[in-house]
């Protein structure tokens, strides 16, 4: 039985709040590198960066994995969850982006374990701690939201929204745009995000993948940036 709507919504808001301890604020997802290369200088550049992430990273990889992880968690399919983690390892070839996904995911799982105390959450936490599973954010988010009784459609939407907000918030922290411009970008990207969410449940595993060469290049060059604000 699903929890009452208000209780379910409060849990979902808590899990996706920027104050929830995941360490996500430490990662720019390639934006700092692009800014350092002079490729993102204004609101138009930030919008293009965020749109690429929504269409390629979220739409092509993350959201379908959240959807599948949710269903695997509901079935208690630990092997299926570990396989999704391994797939994300392969689909994130740039080290800083892969590390960002696993650090956020592991911290999210640790922080959520006491709030959503199900057998699957506890078991997968043990697998991650043992190094048997990577603990990517999309996988752990699917596991926790399934355990919390949050429907897959709502979980996928929330993950997409929180990710989009994080991309744009990084631009504000870098001083590329202000808060008002950030909100306008988020609003303008609602249609793209909705399309990505709607497609998540229909994508087959062999269709997963994204194409964002400039973001990948920025990730590879990130370590060379002096006076970095972000880890990636």
Protein backbone atom coordinates (compact mmCIF):
# COMPACT_ATOMS: atom_id res chain seq x y z
CA UNK A 1 0.00 0.00 0.00
CA UNK A 2 1.27 3.45 -0.92
CA UNK A 3 1.62 5.98 1.93
CA UNK A 4 -0.85 8.91 2.04
CA UNK A 5 -0.17 11.50 -0.67
CA UNK A 6 0.89 14.26 1.73
CA UNK A 7 3.29 11.97 3.61
CA UNK A 8 4.70 10.63 0.35
CA UNK A 9 5.19 14.12 -1.05
CA UNK A 10 6.93 15.34 2.09
CA UNK A 11 9.33 12.41 1.93
CA UNK A 12 10.08 13.08 -1.72
CA UNK A 13 10.65 16.78 -1.08
CA UNK A 14 13.00 15.93 1.76
CA UNK A 15 15.00 13.46 -0.33
CA UNK A 16 15.46 15.96 -3.18
CA UNK A 17 15.99 19.09 -1.10
CA UNK A 18 19.31 20.84 -1.68
CA UNK A 19 19.93 20.60 2.06
CA UNK A 20 19.73 16.80 2.07
CA UNK A 21 23.28 15.56 2.77
CA UNK A 22 24.60 14.20 -0.52
CA UNK A 23 27.52 16.54 -1.18
CA UNK A 24 26.05 17.36 -4.58
CA UNK A 25 26.93 21.03 -4.22
CA UNK A 26 30.61 20.12 -4.68
CA UNK A 27 30.14 19.12 -8.33
CA UNK A 28 29.51 21.34 -11.36
CA UNK A 29 29.02 18.43 -13.81
CA UNK A 30 31.46 19.96 -16.27
CA UNK A 31 30.30 23.57 -16.05
CA UNK A 32 33.38 24.90 -14.29
CA UNK A 33 35.60 23.40 -16.97
CA UNK A 34 33.50 24.86 -19.77
CA UNK A 35 33.51 28.24 -18.06
CA UNK A 36 37.28 28.07 -17.71
CA UNK A 37 37.61 27.34 -21.42
CA UNK A 38 35.46 30.37 -22.21
CA UNK A 39 32.66 28.23 -23.65
CA UNK A 40 30.00 29.20 -21.09
CA UNK A 41 29.97 32.92 -20.33
CA UNK A 42 26.34 33.96 -20.05
CA UNK A 43 22.74 32.82 -19.61
CA UNK A 44 22.57 31.45 -23.16
CA UNK A 45 25.62 29.32 -22.51
CA UNK A 46 24.21 28.03 -19.23
CA UNK A 47 20.92 27.19 -20.92
CA UNK A 48 22.75 25.25 -23.63
CA UNK A 49 24.83 23.41 -21.02
CA UNK A 50 21.79 22.48 -18.94
CA UNK A 51 19.77 21.46 -22.00
CA UNK A 52 22.56 19.14 -23.12
CA UNK A 53 22.57 17.48 -19.71
CA UNK A 54 18.77 17.15 -19.70
CA UNK A 55 18.63 15.64 -23.17
CA UNK A 56 21.79 13.52 -23.10
CA UNK A 57 22.76 12.76 -19.49
CA UNK A 58 19.30 12.66 -17.94
CA UNK A 59 17.25 11.62 -20.95
CA UNK A 60 19.76 9.17 -22.36
CA UNK A 61 21.13 7.60 -19.18
CA UNK A 62 20.07 8.71 -15.70
CA UNK A 63 16.27 8.79 -15.82
CA UNK A 64 15.87 5.39 -17.51
CA UNK A 65 18.19 3.96 -14.84
CA UNK A 66 16.15 5.52 -12.03
CA UNK A 67 13.05 3.92 -13.54
CA UNK A 68 14.65 0.50 -13.88
CA UNK A 69 16.30 0.66 -10.45
CA UNK A 70 12.94 1.48 -8.88
CA UNK A 71 11.37 -1.61 -10.43
CA UNK A 72 14.34 -3.83 -9.59
CA UNK A 73 14.18 -2.65 -5.98
CA UNK A 74 10.47 -3.41 -5.81
CA UNK A 75 11.27 -6.94 -7.02
CA UNK A 76 14.18 -7.31 -4.59
CA UNK A 77 16.46 -7.91 -7.58
CA UNK A 78 19.88 -7.10 -6.13
CA UNK A 79 21.69 -8.62 -9.11
CA UNK A 80 19.70 -6.40 -11.45
CA UNK A 81 20.56 -3.34 -9.37
CA UNK A 82 24.26 -4.21 -9.38
CA UNK A 83 24.08 -4.69 -13.15
CA UNK A 84 22.63 -1.19 -13.54
CA UNK A 85 25.48 0.16 -11.42
CA UNK A 86 28.00 -1.62 -13.63
CA UNK A 87 26.30 -0.25 -16.73
CA UNK A 88 26.61 3.29 -15.39
CA UNK A 89 30.32 2.68 -14.77
CA UNK A 90 30.61 1.94 -18.49
CA UNK A 91 28.39 4.81 -19.63
CA UNK A 92 30.40 7.36 -17.62
CA UNK A 93 33.93 7.00 -19.06
CA UNK A 94 35.16 10.38 -17.78
CA UNK A 95 36.55 9.75 -14.28
CA UNK A 96 35.38 12.97 -12.60
CA UNK A 97 31.81 12.46 -13.82
CA UNK A 98 31.79 8.83 -12.73
CA UNK A 99 33.19 9.77 -9.32
CA UNK A 100 30.58 12.52 -8.93
CA UNK A 101 27.79 10.04 -9.60
CA UNK A 102 29.08 7.46 -7.12
CA UNK A 103 30.02 9.90 -4.37
CA UNK A 104 26.62 11.55 -4.47
CA UNK A 105 24.88 8.19 -4.71
CA UNK A 106 26.73 6.62 -1.80
CA UNK A 107 26.22 9.66 0.41
CA UNK A 108 22.54 9.74 -0.55
CA UNK A 109 22.15 6.06 0.35
CA UNK A 110 23.89 6.54 3.70
CA UNK A 111 21.79 9.59 4.55
CA UNK A 112 18.52 7.97 3.48
CA UNK A 113 19.10 4.59 5.14
CA UNK A 114 17.81 5.72 8.52
CA UNK A 115 14.76 7.40 6.96
CA UNK A 116 13.78 4.56 4.63
CA UNK A 117 14.68 1.42 6.57
CA UNK A 118 13.78 -1.40 4.17
CA UNK A 119 15.61 -4.68 3.63
CA UNK A 120 16.56 -3.71 0.08
CA UNK A 121 17.98 -0.35 1.15
CA UNK A 122 20.00 -2.01 3.92
CA UNK A 123 21.18 -4.87 1.72
CA UNK A 124 22.28 -2.62 -1.11
CA UNK A 125 24.03 -0.32 1.32
CA UNK A 126 26.05 -3.37 2.43
CA UNK A 127 26.86 -4.26 -1.19
CA UNK A 128 28.12 -0.74 -1.85
CA UNK A 129 30.16 -0.71 1.36
CA UNK A 130 31.74 -4.03 0.37
CA UNK A 131 32.65 -2.70 -3.08
CA UNK A 132 30.36 -5.18 -4.82
CA UNK A 133 28.25 -2.35 -6.26
CA UNK A 134 29.30 1.17 -7.24
CA UNK A 135 26.35 3.06 -5.75
CA UNK A 136 25.59 5.49 -8.56
CA UNK A 137 23.07 8.18 -7.67
CA UNK A 138 20.44 7.10 -10.20
CA UNK A 139 20.50 3.55 -8.82
CA UNK A 140 20.39 4.49 -5.15
CA UNK A 141 17.64 7.03 -5.78
CA UNK A 142 15.49 4.37 -7.41
CA UNK A 143 16.10 2.01 -4.49
CA UNK A 144 15.27 4.54 -1.78
CA UNK A 145 12.18 5.97 -3.45
CA UNK A 146 10.83 2.47 -4.06
CA UNK A 147 11.34 1.72 -0.39
CA UNK A 148 9.58 4.93 0.57
CA UNK A 149 6.48 3.96 -1.42
CA UNK A 150 6.94 6.76 -3.93
CA UNK A 151 5.64 5.82 -7.41
CA UNK A 152 8.22 5.36 -10.16
CA UNK A 153 6.81 8.24 -12.19
CA UNK A 154 7.13 10.65 -9.27
CA UNK A 155 10.61 9.40 -8.42
CA UNK A 156 11.79 9.89 -12.00
CA UNK A 157 10.34 13.39 -12.17
CA UNK A 158 11.91 14.36 -8.84
CA UNK A 159 15.34 13.09 -9.85
CA UNK A 160 15.13 15.04 -13.10
CA UNK A 161 14.01 18.21 -11.37
CA UNK A 162 16.71 18.03 -8.70
CA UNK A 163 19.39 17.39 -11.32
CA UNK A 164 18.29 20.33 -13.48
CA UNK A 165 18.23 22.59 -10.45
CA UNK A 166 21.75 21.45 -9.58
CA UNK A 167 23.14 22.20 -13.04
CA UNK A 168 21.81 25.75 -12.94
CA UNK A 169 22.72 26.34 -9.28
CA UNK A 170 26.35 25.63 -10.17
CA UNK A 171 26.23 28.50 -12.67
CA UNK A 172 24.95 30.82 -9.96
CA UNK A 173 27.75 29.79 -7.61
CA UNK A 174 30.30 30.44 -10.36
CA UNK A 175 28.85 33.91 -10.87
CA UNK A 176 27.96 33.28 -14.51
CA UNK A 177 24.28 34.14 -13.97
CA UNK A 178 22.08 35.50 -11.20
CA UNK A 179 19.24 33.79 -9.39
CA UNK A 180 16.48 35.35 -11.51
CA UNK A 181 18.13 34.23 -14.75
CA UNK A 182 18.59 30.77 -13.23
CA UNK A 183 14.88 30.42 -12.58
CA UNK A 184 14.07 31.52 -16.13
CA UNK A 185 16.40 28.84 -17.51
CA UNK A 186 14.78 26.16 -15.35
CA UNK A 187 11.34 27.24 -16.54
CA UNK A 188 12.40 27.25 -20.19
CA UNK A 189 13.77 23.72 -19.85
CA UNK A 190 10.57 22.26 -18.39
CA UNK A 191 9.42 20.91 -21.80
CA UNK A 192 12.77 19.20 -22.45
CA UNK A 193 12.74 17.69 -18.97
CA UNK A 194 9.17 16.45 -19.37
CA UNK A 195 10.11 14.78 -22.66
CA UNK A 196 13.06 13.07 -20.99
CA UNK A 197 10.90 11.88 -18.09
CA UNK A 198 8.20 10.57 -20.41
CA UNK A 199 10.74 8.60 -22.45
CA UNK A 200 12.46 7.04 -19.43
CA UNK A 201 10.05 4.14 -19.03
CA UNK A 202 10.24 3.19 -22.72
CA UNK A 203 13.99 3.03 -23.26
CA UNK A 204 15.65 -0.36 -23.60
CA UNK A 205 19.01 -0.98 -21.93
CA UNK A 206 20.81 -1.16 -25.28
CA UNK A 207 19.45 2.30 -26.15
CA UNK A 208 21.05 4.01 -23.17
CA UNK A 209 23.80 6.51 -23.87
CA UNK A 210 24.48 10.21 -24.23
CA UNK A 211 26.57 12.44 -26.49
CA UNK A 212 28.11 15.47 -24.79
CA UNK A 213 31.70 15.75 -26.07
CA UNK A 214 32.37 19.28 -24.80
CA UNK A 215 31.16 18.40 -21.31
CA UNK A 216 33.33 15.28 -21.36
CA UNK A 217 36.32 17.31 -22.55
CA UNK A 218 35.76 19.82 -19.77
CA UNK A 219 35.67 16.97 -17.28
CA UNK A 220 38.96 15.59 -18.55
CA UNK A 221 40.60 19.02 -18.25
CA UNK A 222 39.10 19.90 -14.88
CA UNK A 223 42.11 18.84 -12.82
CA UNK A 224 44.24 21.41 -14.67
CA UNK A 225 42.10 24.33 -13.50
CA UNK A 226 43.74 26.41 -10.78
CA UNK A 227 41.65 27.80 -7.92
CA UNK A 228 38.80 25.37 -8.55
CA UNK A 229 35.48 25.93 -6.79
CA UNK A 230 34.08 22.48 -7.65
CA UNK A 231 35.35 18.90 -7.57
CA UNK A 232 34.12 18.29 -11.13
